[in-house]
PDB file of N, CA and C in Angstrom:
ATOM      1  N   ALA A   1      97.049  96.507  99.114  1.00  0.00           N
ATOM      2  CA  ALA A   1      98.001  95.153  98.978  1.00  0.00           C
ATOM      3  C   ALA A   1      98.800  95.241 100.056  1.00  0.00           C
ATOM      4  N   THR A   2      99.081  94.193 100.516  1.00  0.00           N
ATOM      5  CA  THR A   2     100.330  93.908 101.558  1.00  0.00           C
ATOM      6  C   THR A   2     101.121  93.037 101.117  1.00  0.00           C
ATOM      7  N   GLY A   3     102.275  93.225 101.704  1.00  0.00           N
ATOM      8  CA  GLY A   3     103.464  92.028 101.348  1.00  0.00           C
ATOM      9  C   GLY A   3     104.001  91.712 102.802  1.00  0.00           C
ATOM     10  N   ARG A   4     104.375  90.520 102.737  1.00  0.00           N
ATOM     11  CA  ARG A   4     105.163  89.881 103.839  1.00  0.00           C
ATOM     12  C   ARG A   4     106.209  88.800 103.526  1.00  0.00           C
ATOM     13  N   VAL A   5     107.122  88.886 104.341  1.00  0.00           N
ATOM     14  CA  VAL A   5     108.441  87.997 104.324  1.00  0.00           C
ATOM     15  C   VAL A   5     108.541  87.504 105.534  1.00  0.00           C
ATOM     16  N   PHE A   6     108.676  86.079 105.457  1.00  0.00           N
ATOM     17  CA  PHE A   6     108.587  85.029 106.788  1.00  0.00           C
ATOM     18  C   PHE A   6     109.784  84.071 106.672  1.00  0.00           C
ATOM     19  N   GLY A   7     110.126  83.748 107.875  1.00  0.00           N
ATOM     20  CA  GLY A   7     111.225  82.741 108.082  1.00  0.00           C
ATOM     21  C   GLY A   7     110.802  81.769 109.504  1.00  0.00           C
ATOM     22  N   LEU A   8     111.203  80.595 109.550  1.00  0.00           N
ATOM     23  CA  LEU A   8     110.945  79.839 110.632  1.00  0.00           C
ATOM     24  C   LEU A   8     112.093  78.796 110.755  1.00  0.00           C
ATOM     25  N   LEU A   9     112.917  78.468 111.659  1.00  0.00           N
ATOM     26  CA  LEU A   9     113.887  77.650 112.040  1.00  0.00           C
ATOM     27  C   LEU A   9     113.465  77.063 113.676  1.00  0.00           C
ATOM     28  N   ARG A  10     113.100  75.928 113.418  1.00  0.00           N
ATOM     29  CA  ARG A  10     112.985  75.423 114.651  1.00  0.00           C
ATOM     30  C   ARG A  10     113.159  73.796 114.904  1.00  0.00           C
ATOM     31  N   GLU A  11     113.534  73.444 116.180  1.00  0.00           N
ATOM     32  CA  GLU A  11     113.924  72.033 116.298  1.00  0.00           C
ATOM     33  C   GLU A  11     112.771  71.364 116.777  1.00  0.00           C
ATOM     34  N   GLU A  12     112.089  70.389 116.071  1.00  0.00           N
ATOM     35  CA  GLU A  12     110.924  69.623 116.573  1.00  0.00           C
ATOM     36  C   GLU A  12     111.442  68.501 117.429  1.00  0.00           C
ATOM     37  N   PRO A  13     110.856  67.483 117.999  1.00  0.00           N
ATOM     38  CA  PRO A  13     111.520  66.487 118.484  1.00  0.00           C
ATOM     39  C   PRO A  13     112.053  65.511 117.706  1.00  0.00           C
ATOM     40  N   SER A  14     111.525  65.313 116.364  1.00  0.00           N
ATOM     41  CA  SER A  14     112.117  64.309 115.580  1.00  0.00           C
ATOM     42  C   SER A  14     112.644  64.834 114.251  1.00  0.00           C
ATOM     43  N   PHE A  15     112.791  65.901 114.144  1.00  0.00           N
ATOM     44  CA  PHE A  15     113.396  66.729 113.097  1.00  0.00           C
ATOM     45  C   PHE A  15     113.505  68.129 113.123  1.00  0.00           C
ATOM     46  N   ASP A  16     114.408  68.702 112.229  1.00  0.00           N
ATOM     47  CA  ASP A  16     114.590  70.324 112.362  1.00  0.00           C
ATOM     48  C   ASP A  16     114.043  70.815 111.161  1.00  0.00           C
ATOM     49  N   ARG A  17     113.056  71.850 111.522  1.00  0.00           N
ATOM     50  CA  ARG A  17     112.171  72.314 110.405  1.00  0.00           C
ATOM     51  C   ARG A  17     112.679  73.730 110.205  1.00  0.00           C
ATOM     52  N   GLU A  18     112.625  74.115 108.798  1.00  0.00           N
ATOM     53  CA  GLU A  18     113.094  75.365 108.283  1.00  0.00           C
ATOM     54  C   GLU A  18     112.079  75.638 107.238  1.00  0.00           C
ATOM     55  N   GLU A  19     111.811  76.804 107.231  1.00  0.00           N
ATOM     56  CA  GLU A  19     110.602  77.578 106.212  1.00  0.00           C
ATOM     57  C   GLU A  19     110.965  78.942 105.992  1.00  0.00           C
ATOM     58  N   TYR A  20     110.963  79.357 104.833  1.00  0.00           N
ATOM     59  CA  TYR A  20     111.156  80.771 104.645  1.00  0.00           C
ATOM     60  C   TYR A  20     110.422  81.026 103.197  1.00  0.00           C
ATOM     61  N   GLY A  21     110.106  82.425 103.134  1.00  0.00           N
ATOM     62  CA  GLY A  21     109.274  82.631 101.844  1.00  0.00           C
ATOM     63  C   GLY A  21     108.815  84.034 102.017  1.00  0.00           C
ATOM     64  N   ALA A  22     107.840  84.487 100.884  1.00  0.00           N
ATOM     65  CA  ALA A  22     107.236  85.575 100.954  1.00  0.00           C
ATOM     66  C   ALA A  22     105.755  85.486 100.338  1.00  0.00           C
ATOM     67  N   SER A  23     105.017  86.467 100.473  1.00  0.00           N
ATOM     68  CA  SER A  23     103.492  86.783 100.151  1.00  0.00           C
ATOM     69  C   SER A  23     103.100  87.946  99.888  1.00  0.00           C
ATOM     70  N   VAL A  24     101.982  87.976  99.052  1.00  0.00           N
ATOM     71  CA  VAL A  24     101.447  89.315  98.810  1.00  0.00           C
ATOM     72  C   VAL A  24     100.005  88.977  98.653  1.00  0.00           C
ATOM     73  N   GLU A  25      99.094  90.024  99.225  1.00  0.00           N
ATOM     74  CA  GLU A  25      97.692  89.913  99.486  1.00  0.00           C
ATOM     75  C   GLU A  25      96.936  90.858  99.198  1.00  0.00           C
ATOM     76  N   ALA A  26      95.865  91.023  98.547  1.00  0.00           N
ATOM     77  CA  ALA A  26      95.124  92.052  98.445  1.00  0.00           C
ATOM     78  C   ALA A  26      93.683  91.944  99.115  1.00  0.00           C
ATOM     79  N   ARG A  27      93.069  92.746  99.774  1.00  0.00           N
ATOM     80  CA  ARG A  27      91.780  92.618 100.755  1.00  0.00           C
ATOM     81  C   ARG A  27      90.557  93.602  99.805  1.00  0.00           C
ATOM     82  N   ARG A  28      89.378  93.216 100.099  1.00  0.00           N
ATOM     83  CA  ARG A  28      88.310  93.965  99.495  1.00  0.00           C
ATOM     84  C   ARG A  28      87.091  93.592 100.403  1.00  0.00           C
ATOM     85  N   GLU A  29      86.387  94.572 100.641  1.00  0.00           N
ATOM     86  CA  GLU A  29      85.082  94.403 101.153  1.00  0.00           C
ATOM     87  C   GLU A  29      84.090  93.456 100.420  1.00  0.00           C
ATOM     88  N   VAL A  30      83.411  92.676 100.797  1.00  0.00           N
ATOM     89  CA  VAL A  30      82.348  92.026  99.960  1.00  0.00           C
ATOM     90  C   VAL A  30      81.058  92.349 100.663  1.00  0.00           C
ATOM     91  N   PRO A  31      80.451  93.500 100.106  1.00  0.00           N
ATOM     92  CA  PRO A  31      79.236  94.056 100.805  1.00  0.00           C
ATOM     93  C   PRO A  31      77.898  93.080 100.859  1.00  0.00           C
ATOM     94  N   TRP A  32      77.772  92.155  99.714  1.00  0.00           N
ATOM     95  CA  TRP A  32      76.404  91.638  99.742  1.00  0.00           C
ATOM     96  C   TRP A  32      76.363  90.506 100.851  1.00  0.00           C
ATOM     97  N   ILE A  33      77.559  90.119 101.487  1.00  0.00           N
ATOM     98  CA  ILE A  33      77.599  89.127 102.685  1.00  0.00           C
ATOM     99  C   ILE A  33      78.113  89.733 103.923  1.00  0.00           C
ATOM    100  N   GLY A  34      78.520  90.920 103.695  1.00  0.00           N
ATOM    101  CA  GLY A  34      79.129  91.482 105.057  1.00  0.00           C
ATOM    102  C   GLY A  34      80.409  91.042 105.509  1.00  0.00           C
ATOM    103  N   ALA A  35      81.284  90.755 104.374  1.00  0.00           N
ATOM    104  CA  ALA A  35      82.505  90.178 104.810  1.00  0.00           C
ATOM    105  C   ALA A  35      83.645  90.874 104.092  1.00  0.00           C
ATOM    106  N   ALA A  36      84.932  90.517 104.624  1.00  0.00           N
ATOM    107  CA  ALA A  36      85.976  90.979 103.926  1.00  0.00           C
ATOM    108  C   ALA A  36      86.678  89.930 103.148  1.00  0.00           C
ATOM    109  N   GLY A  37      87.120  90.042 101.842  1.00  0.00           N
ATOM    110  CA  GLY A  37      87.607  88.866 101.185  1.00  0.00           C
ATOM    111  C   GLY A  37      89.074  89.326 100.868  1.00  0.00           C
ATOM    112  N   ALA A  38      89.731  88.098 100.560  1.00  0.00           N
ATOM    113  CA  ALA A  38      91.150  88.300 100.474  1.00  0.00           C
ATOM    114  C   ALA A  38      91.594  87.304  99.342  1.00  0.00           C
ATOM    115  N   ALA A  39      92.461  87.822  98.520  1.00  0.00           N
ATOM    116  CA  ALA A  39      93.433  86.967  97.569  1.00  0.00           C
ATOM    117  C   ALA A  39      94.771  87.257  97.532  1.00  0.00           C
ATOM    118  N   GLY A  40      95.511  86.132  97.423  1.00  0.00           N
ATOM    119  CA  GLY A  40      96.978  86.350  97.410  1.00  0.00           C
ATOM    120  C   GLY A  40      97.871  85.348  96.888  1.00  0.00           C
ATOM    121  N   PHE A  41      99.304  85.591  96.933  1.00  0.00           N
ATOM    122  CA  PHE A  41     100.137  84.488  96.245  1.00  0.00           C
ATOM    123  C   PHE A  41     101.162  84.230  97.576  1.00  0.00           C
ATOM    124  N   THR A  42     101.454  83.011  97.734  1.00  0.00           N
ATOM    125  CA  THR A  42     102.700  82.721  98.456  1.00  0.00           C
ATOM    126  C   THR A  42     103.447  81.656  97.853  1.00  0.00           C
ATOM    127  N   TYR A  43     104.934  82.279  98.097  1.00  0.00           N
ATOM    128  CA  TYR A  43     105.903  81.409  97.515  1.00  0.00           C
ATOM    129  C   TYR A  43     106.894  81.000  98.668  1.00  0.00           C
ATOM    130  N   GLU A  44     107.261  79.600  99.164  1.00  0.00           N
ATOM    131  CA  GLU A  44     108.004  79.274 100.189  1.00  0.00           C
ATOM    132  C   GLU A  44     108.684  78.190 100.033  1.00  0.00           C
ATOM    133  N   VAL A  45     109.733  77.943 100.697  1.00  0.00           N
ATOM    134  CA  VAL A  45     110.758  77.019 100.588  1.00  0.00           C
ATOM    135  C   VAL A  45     110.497  76.137 102.099  1.00  0.00           C
ATOM    136  N   VAL A  46     110.275  74.872 101.992  1.00  0.00           N
ATOM    137  CA  VAL A  46     110.315  74.203 103.212  1.00  0.00           C
ATOM    138  C   VAL A  46     111.259  72.913 103.263  1.00  0.00           C
ATOM    139  N   ASN A  47     111.963  72.597 104.504  1.00  0.00           N
ATOM    140  CA  ASN A  47     112.895  71.806 104.473  1.00  0.00           C
ATOM    141  C   ASN A  47     112.718  70.938 105.905  1.00  0.00           C
ATOM    142  N   ALA A  48     113.010  69.769 105.681  1.00  0.00           N
ATOM    143  CA  ALA A  48     113.019  69.076 107.060  1.00  0.00           C
ATOM    144  C   ALA A  48     114.340  68.377 107.076  1.00  0.00           C
ATOM    145  N   SER A  49     115.176  68.531 108.014  1.00  0.00           N
ATOM    146  CA  SER A  49     116.644  67.901 108.202  1.00  0.00           C
ATOM    147  C   SER A  49     116.667  67.147 109.626  1.00  0.00           C
ATOM    148  N   ASP A  50     117.651  66.360 109.697  1.00  0.00           N
ATOM    149  CA  ASP A  50     117.783  65.443 110.724  1.00  0.00           C
ATOM    150  C   ASP A  50     116.566  64.751 111.273  1.00  0.00           C
ATOM    151  N   VAL A  51     115.894  64.202 110.231  1.00  0.00           N
ATOM    152  CA  VAL A  51     114.649  63.493 110.537  1.00  0.00           C
ATOM    153  C   VAL A  51     114.669  61.950 110.965  1.00  0.00           C
ATOM    154  N   LEU A  52     114.380  61.928 112.343  1.00  0.00           N
ATOM    155  CA  LEU A  52     114.401  60.513 112.824  1.00  0.00           C
ATOM    156  C   LEU A  52     113.466  59.595 112.626  1.00  0.00           C
ATOM    157  N   LEU A  53     112.214  59.897 112.090  1.00  0.00           N
ATOM    158  CA  LEU A  53     111.150  59.065 112.041  1.00  0.00           C
ATOM    159  C   LEU A  53     110.412  59.064 110.314  1.00  0.00           C
ATOM    160  N   ALA A  54     111.540  58.886 109.570  1.00  0.00           N
ATOM    161  CA  ALA A  54     111.299  58.758 108.230  1.00  0.00           C
ATOM    162  C   ALA A  54     110.100  57.593 107.930  1.00  0.00           C
ATOM    163  N   THR A  55     108.892  57.858 107.341  1.00  0.00           N
ATOM    164  CA  THR A  55     108.155  56.661 106.947  1.00  0.00           C
ATOM    165  C   THR A  55     108.464  55.855 105.599  1.00  0.00           C
ATOM    166  N   ARG A  56     109.165  56.538 104.767  1.00  0.00           N
ATOM    167  CA  ARG A  56     109.640  55.903 103.409  1.00  0.00           C
ATOM    168  C   ARG A  56     110.772  56.212 103.134  1.00  0.00           C
ATOM    169  N   ALA A  57     111.683  55.659 102.381  1.00  0.00           N
ATOM    170  CA  ALA A  57     113.020  55.900 101.877  1.00  0.00           C
ATOM    171  C   ALA A  57     112.915  57.022 101.122  1.00  0.00           C
ATOM    172  N   ASP A  58     112.000  57.133 100.217  1.00  0.00           N
ATOM    173  CA  ASP A  58     112.086  58.129  99.011  1.00  0.00           C
ATOM    174  C   ASP A  58     110.974  59.483  99.583  1.00  0.00           C
ATOM    175  N   GLU A  59     110.947  59.615 100.713  1.00  0.00           N
ATOM    176  CA  GLU A  59     110.241  60.630 101.448  1.00  0.00           C
ATOM    177  C   GLU A  59     110.848  61.953 101.178  1.00  0.00           C
ATOM    178  N   VAL A  60     110.032  63.056 100.650  1.00  0.00           N
ATOM    179  CA  VAL A  60     110.472  64.366 100.130  1.00  0.00           C
ATOM    180  C   VAL A  60     110.910  65.084 101.363  1.00  0.00           C
ATOM    181  N   ARG A  61     112.064  65.660 101.478  1.00  0.00           N
ATOM    182  CA  ARG A  61     112.393  66.442 102.992  1.00  0.00           C
ATOM    183  C   ARG A  61     112.476  68.074 102.687  1.00  0.00           C
ATOM    184  N   ASP A  62     112.524  68.341 101.235  1.00  0.00           N
ATOM    185  CA  ASP A  62     112.418  69.765 101.011  1.00  0.00           C
ATOM    186  C   ASP A  62     111.797  69.984  99.712  1.00  0.00           C
ATOM    187  N   ALA A  63     111.272  71.135  99.668  1.00  0.00           N
ATOM    188  CA  ALA A  63     110.274  71.571  98.405  1.00  0.00           C
ATOM    189  C   ALA A  63     109.974  72.931  98.238  1.00  0.00           C
ATOM    190  N   ARG A  64     109.779  73.453  97.113  1.00  0.00           N
ATOM    191  CA  ARG A  64     109.151  74.922  97.044  1.00  0.00           C
ATOM    192  C   ARG A  64     107.856  74.805  96.721  1.00  0.00           C
ATOM    193  N   VAL A  65     107.078  75.663  97.496  1.00  0.00           N
ATOM    194  CA  VAL A  65     105.644  75.883  97.340  1.00  0.00           C
ATOM    195  C   VAL A  65     105.238  76.898  96.829  1.00  0.00           C
ATOM    196  N   ALA A  66     104.239  77.019  95.632  1.00  0.00           N
ATOM    197  CA  ALA A  66     103.693  78.068  95.183  1.00  0.00           C
ATOM    198  C   ALA A  66     102.104  78.008  95.323  1.00  0.00           C
ATOM    199  N   SER A  67     101.487  78.870  96.026  1.00  0.00           N
ATOM    200  CA  SER A  67     100.077  78.596  96.073  1.00  0.00           C
ATOM    201  C   SER A  67      99.203  80.045  96.051  1.00  0.00           C
ATOM    202  N   LEU A  68      98.135  79.788  95.553  1.00  0.00           N
ATOM    203  CA  LEU A  68      97.257  80.897  95.621  1.00  0.00           C
ATOM    204  C   LEU A  68      96.080  80.852  96.884  1.00  0.00           C
ATOM    205  N   ASP A  69      96.096  81.828  97.396  1.00  0.00           N
ATOM    206  CA  ASP A  69      95.575  81.863  98.658  1.00  0.00           C
ATOM    207  C   ASP A  69      94.107  82.685  98.462  1.00  0.00           C
ATOM    208  N   LEU A  70      92.979  82.320  99.259  1.00  0.00           N
ATOM    209  CA  LEU A  70      91.803  82.892  98.952  1.00  0.00           C
ATOM    210  C   LEU A  70      91.214  82.810 100.483  1.00  0.00           C
ATOM    211  N   GLY A  71      90.303  83.807 100.795  1.00  0.00           N
ATOM    212  CA  GLY A  71      89.726  83.766 102.112  1.00  0.00           C
ATOM    213  C   GLY A  71      88.568  84.705 102.193  1.00  0.00           C
ATOM    214  N   LEU A  72      87.700  84.601 103.056  1.00  0.00           N
ATOM    215  CA  LEU A  72      86.463  85.476 103.416  1.00  0.00           C
ATOM    216  C   LEU A  72      86.438  85.266 104.876  1.00  0.00           C
ATOM    217  N   THR A  73      86.146  86.473 105.455  1.00  0.00           N
ATOM    218  CA  THR A  73      85.948  86.658 106.960  1.00  0.00           C
ATOM    219  C   THR A  73      85.055  87.756 107.344  1.00  0.00           C
ATOM    220  N   ARG A  74      84.020  87.236 108.084  1.00  0.00           N
ATOM    221  CA  ARG A  74      82.913  88.138 108.853  1.00  0.00           C
ATOM    222  C   ARG A  74      83.131  88.236 110.234  1.00  0.00           C
ATOM    223  N   ASP A  75      83.238  89.425 110.703  1.00  0.00           N
ATOM    224  CA  ASP A  75      83.551  89.601 112.154  1.00  0.00           C
ATOM    225  C   ASP A  75      82.620  90.562 112.802  1.00  0.00           C
ATOM    226  N   ARG A  76      81.473  90.121 113.530  1.00  0.00           N
ATOM    227  CA  ARG A  76      80.747  90.922 114.267  1.00  0.00           C
ATOM    228  C   ARG A  76      80.824  90.905 115.771  1.00  0.00           C
ATOM    229  N   ARG A  77      82.083  90.669 116.312  1.00  0.00           N
ATOM    230  CA  ARG A  77      82.321  90.632 117.765  1.00  0.00           C
ATOM    231  C   ARG A  77      82.367  92.066 118.265  1.00  0.00           C
ATOM    232  N   ASP A  78      82.028  92.303 119.495  1.00  0.00           N
ATOM    233  CA  ASP A  78      82.165  93.638 120.110  1.00  0.00           C
ATOM    234  C   ASP A  78      83.618  93.893 120.355  1.00  0.00           C
ATOM    235  N   ASN A  79      84.756  92.957 120.517  1.00  0.00           N
ATOM    236  CA  ASN A  79      85.997  93.264 120.846  1.00  0.00           C
ATOM    237  C   ASN A  79      86.606  91.877 120.480  1.00  0.00           C
ATOM    238  N   PRO A  80      87.872  92.260 119.428  1.00  0.00           N
ATOM    239  CA  PRO A  80      88.519  91.156 118.947  1.00  0.00           C
ATOM    240  C   PRO A  80      89.413  90.485 119.921  1.00  0.00           C
ATOM    241  N   ILE A  81      89.785  91.075 121.107  1.00  0.00           N
ATOM    242  CA  ILE A  81      90.770  90.539 121.817  1.00  0.00           C
ATOM    243  C   ILE A  81      89.889  89.591 123.059  1.00  0.00           C
ATOM    244  N   ARG A  82      88.882  90.231 123.681  1.00  0.00           N
ATOM    245  CA  ARG A  82      88.018  89.825 124.654  1.00  0.00           C
ATOM    246  C   ARG A  82      86.636  89.944 124.343  1.00  0.00           C
ATOM    247  N   PRO A  83      85.984  89.279 123.435  1.00  0.00           N
ATOM    248  CA  PRO A  83      84.712  89.382 123.126  1.00  0.00           C
ATOM    249  C   PRO A  83      83.765  89.128 124.162  1.00  0.00           C
ATOM    250  N   THR A  84      82.441  89.651 124.215  1.00  0.00           N
ATOM    251  CA  THR A  84      81.396  89.393 125.226  1.00  0.00           C
ATOM    252  C   THR A  84      80.277  88.974 124.255  1.00  0.00           C
ATOM    253  N   LYS A  85      80.187  89.450 123.301  1.00  0.00           N
ATOM    254  CA  LYS A  85      79.125  89.245 122.154  1.00  0.00           C
ATOM    255  C   LYS A  85      79.369  89.268 120.933  1.00  0.00           C
ATOM    256  N   GLY A  86      78.428  88.697 120.052  1.00  0.00           N
ATOM    257  CA  GLY A  86      78.813  88.572 118.422  1.00  0.00           C
ATOM    258  C   GLY A  86      79.465  87.428 117.963  1.00  0.00           C
ATOM    259  N   ALA A  87      79.602  87.295 116.820  1.00  0.00           N
ATOM    260  CA  ALA A  87      80.185  86.099 116.167  1.00  0.00           C
ATOM    261  C   ALA A  87      81.267  86.450 115.072  1.00  0.00           C
ATOM    262  N   ARG A  88      81.982  85.507 114.524  1.00  0.00           N
ATOM    263  CA  ARG A  88      82.946  85.452 113.737  1.00  0.00           C
ATOM    264  C   ARG A  88      83.108  84.302 112.930  1.00  0.00           C
ATOM    265  N   TRP A  89      83.023  84.324 111.719  1.00  0.00           N
ATOM    266  CA  TRP A  89      83.380  83.179 110.873  1.00  0.00           C
ATOM    267  C   TRP A  89      84.460  83.514 109.769  1.00  0.00           C
ATOM    268  N   SER A  90      85.011  82.385 109.455  1.00  0.00           N
ATOM    269  CA  SER A  90      86.002  82.497 108.314  1.00  0.00           C
ATOM    270  C   SER A  90      86.156  81.123 107.572  1.00  0.00           C
ATOM    271  N   ALA A  91      86.564  81.345 106.395  1.00  0.00           N
ATOM    272  CA  ALA A  91      86.809  80.369 105.386  1.00  0.00           C
ATOM    273  C   ALA A  91      87.976  81.019 104.619  1.00  0.00           C
ATOM    274  N   GLN A  92      89.028  79.883 104.791  1.00  0.00           N
ATOM    275  CA  GLN A  92      90.464  80.035 103.994  1.00  0.00           C
ATOM    276  C   GLN A  92      90.871  78.949 103.139  1.00  0.00           C
ATOM    277  N   GLY A  93      91.337  79.223 101.997  1.00  0.00           N
ATOM    278  CA  GLY A  93      91.635  78.024 100.855  1.00  0.00           C
ATOM    279  C   GLY A  93      93.113  78.238 100.625  1.00  0.00           C
ATOM    280  N   GLN A  94      93.750  77.322 100.718  1.00  0.00           N
ATOM    281  CA  GLN A  94      95.289  77.383  99.906  1.00  0.00           C
ATOM    282  C   GLN A  94      95.464  76.339  98.799  1.00  0.00           C
ATOM    283  N   PHE A  95      95.596  76.735  97.767  1.00  0.00           N
ATOM    284  CA  PHE A  95      95.990  75.989  96.544  1.00  0.00           C
ATOM    285  C   PHE A  95      97.090  75.807  95.819  1.00  0.00           C
ATOM    286  N   ALA A  96      98.073  74.888  96.155  1.00  0.00           N
ATOM    287  CA  ALA A  96      99.309  74.818  95.741  1.00  0.00           C
ATOM    288  C   ALA A  96      99.511  74.036  94.302  1.00  0.00           C
ATOM    289  N   ARG A  97     100.335  74.549  93.385  1.00  0.00           N
ATOM    290  CA  ARG A  97     100.230  73.883  92.112  1.00  0.00           C
ATOM    291  C   ARG A  97     101.773  74.121  91.535  1.00  0.00           C
ATOM    292  N   PRO A  98     102.305  73.171  90.871  1.00  0.00           N
ATOM    293  CA  PRO A  98     103.499  73.323  89.993  1.00  0.00           C
ATOM    294  C   PRO A  98     103.443  74.296  89.061  1.00  0.00           C
ATOM    295  N   GLU A  99     102.317  74.577  88.405  1.00  0.00           N
ATOM    296  CA  GLU A  99     102.173  75.565  87.258  1.00  0.00           C
ATOM    297  C   GLU A  99     102.217  76.777  87.907  1.00  0.00           C
ATOM    298  N   LEU A 100     102.184  76.993  89.129  1.00  0.00           N
ATOM    299  CA  LEU A 100     102.439  78.428  89.757  1.00  0.00           C
ATOM    300  C   LEU A 100     103.949  78.675  90.025  1.00  0.00           C
ATOM    301  N   GLY A 101     104.770  77.638  90.061  1.00  0.00           N
ATOM    302  CA  GLY A 101     106.199  77.853  90.179  1.00  0.00           C
ATOM    303  C   GLY A 101     106.548  76.915  91.346  1.00  0.00           C
ATOM    304  N   GLY A 102     105.945  76.096  91.927  1.00  0.00           N
ATOM    305  CA  GLY A 102     106.348  75.248  93.117  1.00  0.00           C
ATOM    306  C   GLY A 102     106.690  73.730  92.560  1.00  0.00           C
ATOM    307  N   GLN A 103     106.895  73.118  93.300  1.00  0.00           N
ATOM    308  CA  GLN A 103     107.033  71.502  93.380  1.00  0.00           C
ATOM    309  C   GLN A 103     105.953  70.709  93.771  1.00  0.00           C
ATOM    310  N   VAL A 104     105.147  71.018  94.625  1.00  0.00           N
ATOM    311  CA  VAL A 104     104.136  70.149  95.197  1.00  0.00           C
ATOM    312  C   VAL A 104     102.613  70.694  94.684  1.00  0.00           C
ATOM    313  N   GLU A 105     101.973  69.715  94.861  1.00  0.00           N
ATOM    314  CA  GLU A 105     100.492  70.138  94.657  1.00  0.00           C
ATOM    315  C   GLU A 105      99.543  69.676  96.000  1.00  0.00           C
ATOM    316  N   TYR A 106      98.605  70.645  96.219  1.00  0.00           N
ATOM    317  CA  TYR A 106      97.772  70.292  97.504  1.00  0.00           C
ATOM    318  C   TYR A 106      96.800  71.446  97.393  1.00  0.00           C
ATOM    319  N   GLU A 107      95.727  70.754  98.313  1.00  0.00           N
ATOM    320  CA  GLU A 107      94.763  72.012  98.748  1.00  0.00           C
ATOM    321  C   GLU A 107      94.484  71.732 100.219  1.00  0.00           C
ATOM    322  N   ARG A 108      94.059  73.032 100.772  1.00  0.00           N
ATOM    323  CA  ARG A 108      93.920  73.065 102.053  1.00  0.00           C
ATOM    324  C   ARG A 108      92.633  73.913 102.192  1.00  0.00           C
ATOM    325  N   LEU A 109      91.776  73.406 103.106  1.00  0.00           N
ATOM    326  CA  LEU A 109      90.661  74.272 103.322  1.00  0.00           C
ATOM    327  C   LEU A 109      90.458  74.536 104.863  1.00  0.00           C
ATOM    328  N   GLU A 110      90.167  75.545 105.507  1.00  0.00           N
ATOM    329  CA  GLU A 110      90.106  75.800 106.892  1.00  0.00           C
ATOM    330  C   GLU A 110      88.839  76.534 107.085  1.00  0.00           C
ATOM    331  N   LEU A 111      88.082  76.189 107.825  1.00  0.00           N
ATOM    332  CA  LEU A 111      86.499  76.658 108.358  1.00  0.00           C
ATOM    333  C   LEU A 111      86.721  76.991 109.709  1.00  0.00           C
ATOM    334  N   ALA A 112      86.243  78.207 110.337  1.00  0.00           N
ATOM    335  CA  ALA A 112      86.171  78.538 111.740  1.00  0.00           C
ATOM    336  C   ALA A 112      84.988  79.253 111.878  1.00  0.00           C
ATOM    337  N   TRP A 113      84.593  79.069 113.051  1.00  0.00           N
ATOM    338  CA  TRP A 113      83.232  79.948 113.743  1.00  0.00           C
ATOM    339  C   TRP A 113      83.410  80.072 114.995  1.00  0.00           C
ATOM    340  N   SER A 114      82.849  81.206 115.541  1.00  0.00           N
ATOM    341  CA  SER A 114      82.972  81.336 117.185  1.00  0.00           C
ATOM    342  C   SER A 114      81.625  82.263 117.269  1.00  0.00           C
ATOM    343  N   TRP A 115      81.178  82.150 118.415  1.00  0.00           N
ATOM    344  CA  TRP A 115      79.888  82.803 119.151  1.00  0.00           C
ATOM    345  C   TRP A 115      80.107  83.186 120.447  1.00  0.00           C
ATOM    346  N   HIS A 116      79.756  84.210 120.737  1.00  0.00           N
ATOM    347  CA  HIS A 116      79.887  84.808 122.265  1.00  0.00           C
ATOM    348  C   HIS A 116      78.601  85.483 122.526  1.00  0.00           C
ATOM    349  N   ARG A 117      78.212  85.212 124.029  1.00  0.00           N
ATOM    350  CA  ARG A 117      77.057  85.749 124.575  1.00  0.00           C
ATOM    351  C   ARG A 117      77.163  85.825 126.103  1.00  0.00           C
ATOM    352  N   ALA A 118      76.863  86.919 126.622  1.00  0.00           N
ATOM    353  CA  ALA A 118      76.690  87.022 127.897  1.00  0.00           C
ATOM    354  C   ALA A 118      75.682  86.114 128.534  1.00  0.00           C
ATOM    355  N   LEU A 119      75.986  85.653 129.914  1.00  0.00           N
ATOM    356  CA  LEU A 119      74.928  84.854 130.407  1.00  0.00           C
ATOM    357  C   LEU A 119      74.300  85.693 131.648  1.00  0.00           C
ATOM    358  N   GLY A 120      73.162  85.609 131.918  1.00  0.00           N
ATOM    359  CA  GLY A 120      72.877  86.380 133.156  1.00  0.00           C
ATOM    360  C   GLY A 120      72.530  87.674 132.873  1.00  0.00           C
ATOM    361  N   GLU A 121      71.679  88.336 133.935  1.00  0.00           N
ATOM    362  CA  GLU A 121      71.392  89.875 133.753  1.00  0.00           C
ATOM    363  C   GLU A 121      72.896  90.844 134.125  1.00  0.00           C
ATOM    364  N   GLU A 122      73.708  90.151 135.135  1.00  0.00           N
ATOM    365  CA  GLU A 122      74.751  91.081 135.360  1.00  0.00           C
ATOM    366  C   GLU A 122      75.863  90.941 134.334  1.00  0.00           C
ATOM    367  N   GLN A 123      75.894  90.023 133.522  1.00  0.00           N
ATOM    368  CA  GLN A 123      76.569  89.990 132.223  1.00  0.00           C
ATOM    369  C   GLN A 123      78.237  89.863 132.875  1.00  0.00           C
ATOM    370  N   GLU A 124      78.381  88.930 134.004  1.00  0.00           N
ATOM    371  CA  GLU A 124      79.621  88.869 134.464  1.00  0.00           C
ATOM    372  C   GLU A 124      80.078  87.337 133.984  1.00  0.00           C
ATOM    373  N   ARG A 125      79.580  86.522 133.275  1.00  0.00           N
ATOM    374  CA  ARG A 125      79.774  85.231 132.639  1.00  0.00           C
ATOM    375  C   ARG A 125      79.434  85.292 131.375  1.00  0.00           C
ATOM    376  N   TRP A 126      80.196  84.564 130.381  1.00  0.00           N
ATOM    377  CA  TRP A 126      79.947  84.469 129.084  1.00  0.00           C
ATOM    378  C   TRP A 126      80.026  83.027 128.426  1.00  0.00           C
ATOM    379  N   LEU A 127      79.291  82.944 127.506  1.00  0.00           N
ATOM    380  CA  LEU A 127      79.248  81.524 126.861  1.00  0.00           C
ATOM    381  C   LEU A 127      80.109  81.893 125.309  1.00  0.00           C
ATOM    382  N   HIS A 128      81.178  81.126 125.137  1.00  0.00           N
ATOM    383  CA  HIS A 128      82.032  80.974 124.112  1.00  0.00           C
ATOM    384  C   HIS A 128      81.792  79.934 123.398  1.00  0.00           C
ATOM    385  N   ALA A 129      81.489  79.874 122.127  1.00  0.00           N
ATOM    386  CA  ALA A 129      81.388  78.646 121.298  1.00  0.00           C
ATOM    387  C   ALA A 129      82.178  78.797 120.212  1.00  0.00           C
TER     388      ALA A 129
END
């Protein structure tokens, strides 16, 4: 299991953004698909101030978010920084609920895939998709 504490304070063009929180996560190999699985919990506070482009008068500008985070990743690349062959895929889900201790409810799903292959016999060029 791992833990992480994070924070962000950034001036966007139309508002100031502040986020801080903590998360815990456990990882485990999933051998029947050759992937790594992860499950965790995140609690964060998000705030927007000095908003110039409000869309509604009752727009929420700060909230507590509590979420269950799940993910699978399979990485078969030859090098994680500069791959020349192999593939990597991942699926990540974040499920925020008031029942977990937050104020908002949403689901977010992210899917990613990359594939790398050398072109030609000299292998000086690569195709990355």
